[in-house]
Structures are given as C-alpha cells and as structure tokens.
Amino acid sequence: MILNIAAYRFVAIDDAAALAGRIHARANALALRGSVLVAPEGLNLFLAGAEGAIDDLLGMLRNDTRFADLVVKRSWSNHVPFARLKVKCKREIIAFRRDDAIPLDHVRPASVAPAELARWIERGTDDEGRRLVLLDTRNREEFGHGTFRDALTLPIDNFTDLPAALESHRDDLADTTVVSFCTGGIRCEKAALWMQHNGFDHVLQLDGGILNYFEQVGGAGYDGRCFVFDERIALDPDLRPLHDTGA
C-alpha cells in the first residue's frame, strides 16, 4: 500500500531555496512523488510513497525545530497518485496576496476540533447558542465533489477571489459563528485571519481541514467527497480514493 500525506506549517523560513534543495534531494532518493512548496511563510507538502520512506522524510523535517510539531494527515492508496516529484519555492504556500492575512504577522485564528464541530453541526449552533455557518473557502470545482451540508459556498475559481465574493454575505453572517474550512487547513486559516481583520466577528477555522475531520470523525454532516489535487481526484469520508489505478 502507498501512504499519502498532506501537511503544512506556517513558520518563518529564511533559507527557502536551501531547504527546498534538501527536501528534494531526500525525497528523490526515497522515490517519493508529489509536490512541496517552500516559502518565507512556511511549508506545504503533498507526498506519496512507501510508509518507511515517508517516515524517513518526516524524520528529517522534524529534526529541524521549525517543523518539530508538524501535523500530518494520512491516507492510503494502492498506487502512487502523482506522476513526479516537484519541489518549488514560492512567495506564499497558498497565494492570497493580502497583507492582513499573513500568518507570521498575526496571532493564529482560534480553531475548532473536528469532534467539537460535529456536535455543533448536529444542533446547528455553537456552545453559546449562536447560529453556525460553515464557510467553504475552496473553489467551485472542489466543492462540486462535496462539502458540508448547508455550507456557504462561493462561486470562485481562485482563492484570491474570496474576499470580494464574501462581501455580499457580510450582513447574513452577523451574529453567527463562522467556521471556515478547506482541504487541509491552509486556506481556511488565511481566510479566518483575513475575516478577523475585516469586521467579521466570531470566526474560527476547522483544525486540519476536511481531511482531518474525515480522519477524526468520518463524514458526520458532510455530503459527498473531498477533492484532492492528485490522480485520486477525491476521497470519501473513509479516506478511500475515487480513482486508484496505476499509470
């Protein structure tokens, strides 16, 4: 079986090119495939390969104090769902281009754990009785494969379009608790941060995104699958791939 991992960490990286080179060298030697983005704001990776090889790479990363507490989402497939290994340096690990949503410059937005969110979804409110709104920060292709039941989805094709698309919903979100979510946590963290700095109250992020929710509690309150950016296309709440065939 092939182990697939998704992980990110917002942390200051002043040696992005050198770090990318080290990751590429080790991942390539371990025959891993997938994508790794390194930026001054942090690290984002989606990789697949033999379990021992994945653990080797994670061990290398966690020996670096910046990634000692790297949280990893895991799933399994029969085949490697990536054609090659790509390691790149970028300005951001997910492009948003908003100065008021740079995680390194601000306190991390509060998060809600999957089990807690499942309780809130069941009753429709948070623990203080405020109406719950689940905000999908992904694009229309992604939520077309599935999303949380009654989630607020936005007709966007790029994450950078989210602020403008969300503006018309400002009044509707007053006096609610908004939980932003995405695939693995990066976009919902930036979105929650931007919202907090632009007049939206009671905004939280789903800790670890949909993949962590599936891993921790399954599909409670979720309809369909979660789109992933590889040849599996989407995962169901049991983390089984929609497609799992070799080249």
C-alpha atoms as a PDB file:
ATOM      1  CA  MET A   1       0.000   0.000   0.000  1.00  0.00           C
ATOM      2  CA  ILE A   2       1.031   3.575  -0.683  1.00  0.00           C
ATOM      3  CA  LEU A   3       0.964   6.153   2.102  1.00  0.00           C
ATOM      4  CA  ASN A   4      -0.247   9.624   1.087  1.00  0.00           C
ATOM      5  CA  ILE A   5       0.413  12.566   3.379  1.00  0.00           C
ATOM      6  CA  ALA A   6      -0.668  16.194   3.489  1.00  0.00           C
ATOM      7  CA  ALA A   7       0.915  18.676   5.877  1.00  0.00           C
ATOM      8  CA  TYR A   8       1.638  22.360   6.273  1.00  0.00           C
ATOM      9  CA  ARG A   9       3.289  24.641   8.767  1.00  0.00           C
ATOM     10  CA  PHE A  10       3.303  28.421   8.880  1.00  0.00           C
ATOM     11  CA  VAL A  11       6.757  29.343  10.206  1.00  0.00           C
ATOM     12  CA  ALA A  12       9.430  31.834   9.201  1.00  0.00           C
ATOM     13  CA  ILE A  13      11.820  30.340   6.653  1.00  0.00           C
ATOM     14  CA  ASP A  14      14.791  32.488   5.674  1.00  0.00           C
ATOM     15  CA  ASP A  15      16.553  29.732   3.738  1.00  0.00           C
ATOM     16  CA  ALA A  16      13.729  28.656   1.435  1.00  0.00           C
ATOM     17  CA  ALA A  17      15.900  27.719  -1.543  1.00  0.00           C
ATOM     18  CA  ALA A  18      18.333  25.721   0.589  1.00  0.00           C
ATOM     19  CA  LEU A  19      15.502  23.942   2.421  1.00  0.00           C
ATOM     20  CA  ALA A  20      13.791  23.118  -0.862  1.00  0.00           C
ATOM     21  CA  GLY A  21      17.036  21.636  -2.127  1.00  0.00           C
ATOM     22  CA  ARG A  22      17.433  19.414   0.931  1.00  0.00           C
ATOM     23  CA  ILE A  23      13.841  18.209   0.751  1.00  0.00           C
ATOM     24  CA  HIS A  24      14.125  17.464  -2.964  1.00  0.00           C
ATOM     25  CA  ALA A  25      17.345  15.521  -2.536  1.00  0.00           C
ATOM     26  CA  ARG A  26      15.983  13.349   0.283  1.00  0.00           C
ATOM     27  CA  ALA A  27      12.530  12.821  -1.273  1.00  0.00           C
ATOM     28  CA  ASN A  28      14.050  11.931  -4.620  1.00  0.00           C
ATOM     29  CA  ALA A  29      16.427   9.441  -3.015  1.00  0.00           C
ATOM     30  CA  LEU A  30      13.443   7.868  -1.259  1.00  0.00           C
ATOM     31  CA  ALA A  31      11.481   7.573  -4.536  1.00  0.00           C
ATOM     32  CA  LEU A  32       8.698   9.804  -3.229  1.00  0.00           C
ATOM     33  CA  ARG A  33       6.393  11.668  -5.572  1.00  0.00           C
ATOM     34  CA  GLY A  34       4.151  14.645  -5.068  1.00  0.00           C
ATOM     35  CA  SER A  35       4.518  18.373  -4.550  1.00  0.00           C
ATOM     36  CA  VAL A  36       6.282  20.502  -1.962  1.00  0.00           C
ATOM     37  CA  LEU A  37       6.040  24.282  -1.709  1.00  0.00           C
ATOM     38  CA  VAL A  38       8.504  26.258   0.378  1.00  0.00           C
ATOM     39  CA  ALA A  39       8.028  29.975   1.053  1.00  0.00           C
ATOM     40  CA  PRO A  40       9.199  32.576   3.548  1.00  0.00           C
ATOM     41  CA  GLU A  41       5.889  31.984   5.388  1.00  0.00           C
ATOM     42  CA  GLY A  42       6.183  28.202   5.676  1.00  0.00           C
ATOM     43  CA  LEU A  43       5.952  24.746   4.140  1.00  0.00           C
ATOM     44  CA  ASN A  44       3.177  22.891   2.313  1.00  0.00           C
ATOM     45  CA  LEU A  45       3.519  19.315   1.110  1.00  0.00           C
ATOM     46  CA  PHE A  46       1.556  16.508  -0.526  1.00  0.00           C
ATOM     47  CA  LEU A  47       3.645  13.366  -0.926  1.00  0.00           C
ATOM     48  CA  ALA A  48       3.151   9.664  -1.583  1.00  0.00           C
ATOM     49  CA  GLY A  49       5.347   6.597  -1.343  1.00  0.00           C
ATOM     50  CA  ALA A  50       6.314   3.650   0.821  1.00  0.00           C
ATOM     51  CA  GLU A  51       5.489   4.162   4.501  1.00  0.00           C
ATOM     52  CA  GLY A  52       9.116   3.783   5.576  1.00  0.00           C
ATOM     53  CA  ALA A  53      10.236   6.335   3.018  1.00  0.00           C
ATOM     54  CA  ILE A  54       7.592   8.832   4.152  1.00  0.00           C
ATOM     55  CA  ASP A  55       8.628   8.344   7.784  1.00  0.00           C
ATOM     56  CA  ASP A  56      12.259   8.908   6.811  1.00  0.00           C
ATOM     57  CA  LEU A  57      11.454  12.252   5.215  1.00  0.00           C
ATOM     58  CA  LEU A  58       9.243  13.298   8.128  1.00  0.00           C
ATOM     59  CA  GLY A  59      12.041  12.398  10.500  1.00  0.00           C
ATOM     60  CA  MET A  60      14.407  14.676   8.596  1.00  0.00           C
ATOM     61  CA  LEU A  61      11.897  17.530   8.739  1.00  0.00           C
ATOM     62  CA  ARG A  62      11.105  17.078  12.423  1.00  0.00           C
ATOM     63  CA  ASN A  63      14.793  17.200  13.298  1.00  0.00           C
ATOM     64  CA  ASP A  64      14.503  20.849  12.254  1.00  0.00           C
ATOM     65  CA  THR A  65      12.989  22.707  15.227  1.00  0.00           C
ATOM     66  CA  ARG A  66      10.788  24.703  12.853  1.00  0.00           C
ATOM     67  CA  PHE A  67       8.911  21.522  11.933  1.00  0.00           C
ATOM     68  CA  ALA A  68       9.179  19.512  15.144  1.00  0.00           C
ATOM     69  CA  ASP A  69       5.411  19.667  15.672  1.00  0.00           C
ATOM     70  CA  LEU A  70       4.415  19.185  12.027  1.00  0.00           C
ATOM     71  CA  VAL A  71       0.906  17.698  11.920  1.00  0.00           C
ATOM     72  CA  VAL A  72       0.374  15.163   9.134  1.00  0.00           C
ATOM     73  CA  LYS A  73      -2.870  13.897   7.577  1.00  0.00           C
ATOM     74  CA  ARG A  74      -2.551  10.330   6.256  1.00  0.00           C
ATOM     75  CA  SER A  75      -4.482   8.249   3.738  1.00  0.00           C
ATOM     76  CA  TRP A  76      -3.772   5.107   1.736  1.00  0.00           C
ATOM     77  CA  SER A  77      -3.999   4.004  -1.869  1.00  0.00           C
ATOM     78  CA  ASN A  78      -2.927   1.066  -3.997  1.00  0.00           C
ATOM     79  CA  HIS A  79      -0.986   3.260  -6.404  1.00  0.00           C
ATOM     80  CA  VAL A  80       1.090   6.439  -6.243  1.00  0.00           C
ATOM     81  CA  PRO A  81      -1.281   9.219  -7.392  1.00  0.00           C
ATOM     82  CA  PHE A  82       1.452  11.608  -8.566  1.00  0.00           C
ATOM     83  CA  ALA A  83       3.393  11.426 -11.828  1.00  0.00           C
ATOM     84  CA  ARG A  84       6.569  13.045 -10.492  1.00  0.00           C
ATOM     85  CA  LEU A  85       8.210  14.902  -7.639  1.00  0.00           C
ATOM     86  CA  LYS A  86       8.009  18.701  -7.693  1.00  0.00           C
ATOM     87  CA  VAL A  87       9.647  20.932  -5.081  1.00  0.00           C
ATOM     88  CA  LYS A  88       9.275  24.677  -5.630  1.00  0.00           C
ATOM     89  CA  CYS A  89       9.926  27.963  -3.868  1.00  0.00           C
ATOM     90  CA  LYS A  90       7.030  30.431  -3.867  1.00  0.00           C
ATOM     91  CA  ARG A  91       6.124  33.783  -2.286  1.00  0.00           C
ATOM     92  CA  GLU A  92       3.292  32.085  -0.363  1.00  0.00           C
ATOM     93  CA  ILE A  93       2.458  28.444   0.246  1.00  0.00           C
ATOM     94  CA  ILE A  94      -1.034  29.364  -0.917  1.00  0.00           C
ATOM     95  CA  ALA A  95      -1.469  32.576  -2.880  1.00  0.00           C
ATOM     96  CA  PHE A  96      -3.811  35.076  -1.212  1.00  0.00           C
ATOM     97  CA  ARG A  97      -1.890  38.334  -1.599  1.00  0.00           C
ATOM     98  CA  ARG A  98      -3.433  40.036   1.434  1.00  0.00           C
ATOM     99  CA  ASP A  99      -1.177  41.867   3.892  1.00  0.00           C
ATOM    100  CA  ASP A 100      -3.792  41.468   6.626  1.00  0.00           C
ATOM    101  CA  ALA A 101      -3.772  37.675   6.230  1.00  0.00           C
ATOM    102  CA  ILE A 102      -0.092  36.875   6.683  1.00  0.00           C
ATOM    103  CA  PRO A 103       0.007  34.229   9.437  1.00  0.00           C
ATOM    104  CA  LEU A 104       3.512  35.134  10.612  1.00  0.00           C
ATOM    105  CA  ASP A 105       2.422  38.716  11.340  1.00  0.00           C
ATOM    106  CA  HIS A 106      -0.638  37.887  13.442  1.00  0.00           C
ATOM    107  CA  VAL A 107      -1.905  35.587  16.161  1.00  0.00           C
ATOM    108  CA  ARG A 108      -3.239  32.339  14.708  1.00  0.00           C
ATOM    109  CA  PRO A 109      -7.061  32.363  14.484  1.00  0.00           C
ATOM    110  CA  ALA A 110      -8.808  30.157  17.008  1.00  0.00           C
ATOM    111  CA  SER A 111      -9.695  26.707  15.719  1.00  0.00           C
ATOM    112  CA  VAL A 112     -12.421  24.184  16.394  1.00  0.00           C
ATOM    113  CA  ALA A 113     -11.590  20.482  16.660  1.00  0.00           C
ATOM    114  CA  PRO A 114     -13.422  18.022  14.387  1.00  0.00           C
ATOM    115  CA  ALA A 115     -15.303  16.312  17.231  1.00  0.00           C
ATOM    116  CA  GLU A 116     -16.492  19.658  18.574  1.00  0.00           C
ATOM    117  CA  LEU A 117     -17.592  20.810  15.145  1.00  0.00           C
ATOM    118  CA  ALA A 118     -19.531  17.577  14.649  1.00  0.00           C
ATOM    119  CA  ARG A 119     -21.501  18.390  17.832  1.00  0.00           C
ATOM    120  CA  TRP A 120     -22.194  21.911  16.623  1.00  0.00           C
ATOM    121  CA  ILE A 121     -23.335  20.660  13.215  1.00  0.00           C
ATOM    122  CA  GLU A 122     -25.782  18.265  14.832  1.00  0.00           C
ATOM    123  CA  ARG A 123     -27.547  21.037  16.723  1.00  0.00           C
ATOM    124  CA  GLY A 124     -26.879  23.952  14.352  1.00  0.00           C
ATOM    125  CA  THR A 125     -25.300  26.257  16.950  1.00  0.00           C
ATOM    126  CA  ASP A 126     -22.052  26.672  18.827  1.00  0.00           C
ATOM    127  CA  ASP A 127     -21.769  26.159  22.588  1.00  0.00           C
ATOM    128  CA  GLU A 128     -23.011  29.705  23.215  1.00  0.00           C
ATOM    129  CA  GLY A 129     -26.121  29.229  21.099  1.00  0.00           C
ATOM    130  CA  ARG A 130     -25.047  31.293  18.099  1.00  0.00           C
ATOM    131  CA  ARG A 131     -26.154  30.032  14.702  1.00  0.00           C
ATOM    132  CA  LEU A 132     -23.448  28.043  12.963  1.00  0.00           C
ATOM    133  CA  VAL A 133     -22.295  28.888   9.436  1.00  0.00           C
ATOM    134  CA  LEU A 134     -19.768  26.656   7.710  1.00  0.00           C
ATOM    135  CA  LEU A 135     -17.769  28.652   5.148  1.00  0.00           C
ATOM    136  CA  ASP A 136     -16.203  26.688   2.301  1.00  0.00           C
ATOM    137  CA  THR A 137     -13.044  28.542   1.230  1.00  0.00           C
ATOM    138  CA  ARG A 138     -12.377  26.229  -1.724  1.00  0.00           C
ATOM    139  CA  ASN A 139     -13.245  26.841  -5.365  1.00  0.00           C
ATOM    140  CA  ARG A 140     -16.319  25.672  -7.227  1.00  0.00           C
ATOM    141  CA  GLU A 141     -14.586  22.677  -8.840  1.00  0.00           C
ATOM    142  CA  GLU A 142     -13.627  21.383  -5.409  1.00  0.00           C
ATOM    143  CA  PHE A 143     -16.936  21.792  -3.606  1.00  0.00           C
ATOM    144  CA  GLY A 144     -18.637  20.284  -6.653  1.00  0.00           C
ATOM    145  CA  HIS A 145     -17.352  16.923  -5.360  1.00  0.00           C
ATOM    146  CA  GLY A 146     -18.762  17.505  -1.887  1.00  0.00           C
ATOM    147  CA  THR A 147     -18.972  19.851   1.070  1.00  0.00           C
ATOM    148  CA  PHE A 148     -20.569  20.160   4.495  1.00  0.00           C
ATOM    149  CA  ARG A 149     -24.351  20.115   4.405  1.00  0.00           C
ATOM    150  CA  ASP A 150     -25.803  23.640   4.012  1.00  0.00           C
ATOM    151  CA  ALA A 151     -22.303  25.163   3.867  1.00  0.00           C
ATOM    152  CA  LEU A 152     -21.850  28.645   2.428  1.00  0.00           C
ATOM    153  CA  THR A 153     -20.054  28.117  -0.885  1.00  0.00           C
ATOM    154  CA  LEU A 154     -18.712  30.927  -3.060  1.00  0.00           C
ATOM    155  CA  PRO A 155     -18.625  30.964  -6.894  1.00  0.00           C
ATOM    156  CA  ILE A 156     -14.858  31.434  -7.083  1.00  0.00           C
ATOM    157  CA  ASP A 157     -12.157  29.824  -9.191  1.00  0.00           C
ATOM    158  CA  ASN A 158      -9.205  31.164  -7.222  1.00  0.00           C
ATOM    159  CA  PHE A 159      -8.613  31.654  -3.509  1.00  0.00           C
ATOM    160  CA  THR A 160      -7.626  35.271  -4.161  1.00  0.00           C
ATOM    161  CA  ASP A 161     -11.243  35.932  -5.209  1.00  0.00           C
ATOM    162  CA  LEU A 162     -12.667  35.019  -1.797  1.00  0.00           C
ATOM    163  CA  PRO A 163     -12.739  38.485  -0.136  1.00  0.00           C
ATOM    164  CA  ALA A 164     -14.788  40.072  -2.926  1.00  0.00           C
ATOM    165  CA  ALA A 165     -17.154  37.106  -3.138  1.00  0.00           C
ATOM    166  CA  LEU A 166     -17.706  37.086   0.617  1.00  0.00           C
ATOM    167  CA  GLU A 167     -18.558  40.778   0.890  1.00  0.00           C
ATOM    168  CA  SER A 168     -22.191  40.341  -0.174  1.00  0.00           C
ATOM    169  CA  HIS A 169     -22.694  37.874   2.694  1.00  0.00           C
ATOM    170  CA  ARG A 170     -21.447  40.222   5.418  1.00  0.00           C
ATOM    171  CA  ASP A 171     -24.885  41.104   6.802  1.00  0.00           C
ATOM    172  CA  ASP A 172     -26.048  37.471   6.735  1.00  0.00           C
ATOM    173  CA  LEU A 173     -23.041  36.434   8.826  1.00  0.00           C
ATOM    174  CA  ALA A 174     -23.661  38.978  11.590  1.00  0.00           C
ATOM    175  CA  ASP A 175     -24.388  37.356  14.950  1.00  0.00           C
ATOM    176  CA  THR A 176     -23.311  33.918  13.729  1.00  0.00           C
ATOM    177  CA  THR A 177     -20.301  31.745  14.433  1.00  0.00           C
ATOM    178  CA  VAL A 178     -18.441  31.185  11.186  1.00  0.00           C
ATOM    179  CA  VAL A 179     -16.192  28.150  10.833  1.00  0.00           C
ATOM    180  CA  SER A 180     -14.022  28.353   7.743  1.00  0.00           C
ATOM    181  CA  PHE A 181     -12.805  25.111   6.209  1.00  0.00           C
ATOM    182  CA  CYS A 182     -10.770  23.813   3.279  1.00  0.00           C
ATOM    183  CA  THR A 183      -8.980  20.612   2.301  1.00  0.00           C
ATOM    184  CA  GLY A 184      -6.105  20.576   4.761  1.00  0.00           C
ATOM    185  CA  GLY A 185      -6.211  23.837   6.711  1.00  0.00           C
ATOM    186  CA  ILE A 186      -4.084  26.397   4.857  1.00  0.00           C
ATOM    187  CA  ARG A 187      -6.808  28.361   3.101  1.00  0.00           C
ATOM    188  CA  CYS A 188      -9.263  28.328   5.981  1.00  0.00           C
ATOM    189  CA  GLU A 189      -6.519  29.643   8.279  1.00  0.00           C
ATOM    190  CA  LYS A 190      -5.728  32.558   5.981  1.00  0.00           C
ATOM    191  CA  ALA A 191      -9.410  33.223   5.321  1.00  0.00           C
ATOM    192  CA  ALA A 192     -10.239  33.277   9.043  1.00  0.00           C
ATOM    193  CA  LEU A 193      -7.337  35.642   9.660  1.00  0.00           C
ATOM    194  CA  TRP A 194      -8.476  37.998   6.915  1.00  0.00           C
ATOM    195  CA  MET A 195     -12.068  37.934   8.178  1.00  0.00           C
ATOM    196  CA  GLN A 196     -10.994  38.738  11.735  1.00  0.00           C
ATOM    197  CA  HIS A 197      -9.158  41.822  10.474  1.00  0.00           C
ATOM    198  CA  ASN A 198     -12.041  42.963   8.281  1.00  0.00           C
ATOM    199  CA  GLY A 199     -15.011  43.244  10.585  1.00  0.00           C
ATOM    200  CA  PHE A 200     -16.319  39.672  10.739  1.00  0.00           C
ATOM    201  CA  ASP A 201     -16.976  38.519  14.313  1.00  0.00           C
ATOM    202  CA  HIS A 202     -16.851  35.042  15.842  1.00  0.00           C
ATOM    203  CA  VAL A 203     -14.729  33.440  13.122  1.00  0.00           C
ATOM    204  CA  LEU A 204     -12.974  30.118  13.695  1.00  0.00           C
ATOM    205  CA  GLN A 205     -11.162  27.663  11.440  1.00  0.00           C
ATOM    206  CA  LEU A 206     -11.630  23.912  11.225  1.00  0.00           C
ATOM    207  CA  ASP A 207      -8.439  22.450  12.644  1.00  0.00           C
ATOM    208  CA  GLY A 208      -6.688  20.449   9.923  1.00  0.00           C
ATOM    209  CA  GLY A 209      -9.440  20.966   7.369  1.00  0.00           C
ATOM    210  CA  ILE A 210     -11.697  18.340   5.841  1.00  0.00           C
ATOM    211  CA  LEU A 211      -9.014  15.664   5.738  1.00  0.00           C
ATOM    212  CA  ASN A 212      -8.503  15.884   9.487  1.00  0.00           C
ATOM    213  CA  TYR A 213     -12.280  15.908  10.005  1.00  0.00           C
ATOM    214  CA  PHE A 214     -12.621  12.701   7.963  1.00  0.00           C
ATOM    215  CA  GLU A 215      -9.731  11.122   9.849  1.00  0.00           C
ATOM    216  CA  GLN A 216     -11.095  12.060  13.284  1.00  0.00           C
ATOM    217  CA  VAL A 217     -14.885  11.745  12.995  1.00  0.00           C
ATOM    218  CA  GLY A 218     -15.747  10.499   9.498  1.00  0.00           C
ATOM    219  CA  GLY A 219     -18.457  12.132   7.419  1.00  0.00           C
ATOM    220  CA  ALA A 220     -20.904  13.468  10.006  1.00  0.00           C
ATOM    221  CA  GLY A 221     -22.711  16.380   8.370  1.00  0.00           C
ATOM    222  CA  TYR A 222     -20.703  16.096   5.154  1.00  0.00           C
ATOM    223  CA  ASP A 223     -22.204  15.251   1.753  1.00  0.00           C
ATOM    224  CA  GLY A 224     -20.034  13.680  -0.934  1.00  0.00           C
ATOM    225  CA  ARG A 225     -16.257  13.514  -1.174  1.00  0.00           C
ATOM    226  CA  CYS A 226     -13.300  15.840  -0.629  1.00  0.00           C
ATOM    227  CA  PHE A 227     -11.467  16.892  -3.781  1.00  0.00           C
ATOM    228  CA  VAL A 228      -7.695  16.366  -3.673  1.00  0.00           C
ATOM    229  CA  PHE A 229      -5.089  17.670  -6.072  1.00  0.00           C
ATOM    230  CA  ASP A 230      -3.805  14.394  -7.454  1.00  0.00           C
ATOM    231  CA  GLU A 231      -4.872  11.413  -9.542  1.00  0.00           C
ATOM    232  CA  ARG A 232      -7.192  10.094  -6.827  1.00  0.00           C
ATOM    233  CA  ILE A 233      -9.430  13.088  -7.614  1.00  0.00           C
ATOM    234  CA  ALA A 234     -11.436  12.877  -4.366  1.00  0.00           C
ATOM    235  CA  LEU A 235     -11.597  10.967  -1.080  1.00  0.00           C
ATOM    236  CA  ASP A 236     -14.733   9.746   0.680  1.00  0.00           C
ATOM    237  CA  PRO A 237     -15.190  10.180   4.461  1.00  0.00           C
ATOM    238  CA  ASP A 238     -13.385   6.857   4.991  1.00  0.00           C
ATOM    239  CA  LEU A 239     -10.429   8.378   3.065  1.00  0.00           C
ATOM    240  CA  ARG A 240     -10.925   5.964   0.171  1.00  0.00           C
ATOM    241  CA  PRO A 241      -9.987   7.380  -3.254  1.00  0.00           C
ATOM    242  CA  LEU A 242     -12.477   7.879  -6.051  1.00  0.00           C
ATOM    243  CA  HIS A 243      -9.842   6.607  -8.500  1.00  0.00           C
ATOM    244  CA  ASP A 244      -6.959   4.320  -7.581  1.00  0.00           C
ATOM    245  CA  THR A 245      -5.384   2.938 -10.722  1.00  0.00           C
ATOM    246  CA  GLY A 246      -1.781   2.808 -11.866  1.00  0.00           C
ATOM    247  CA  ALA A 247      -0.356   4.584 -14.893  1.00  0.00           C
END
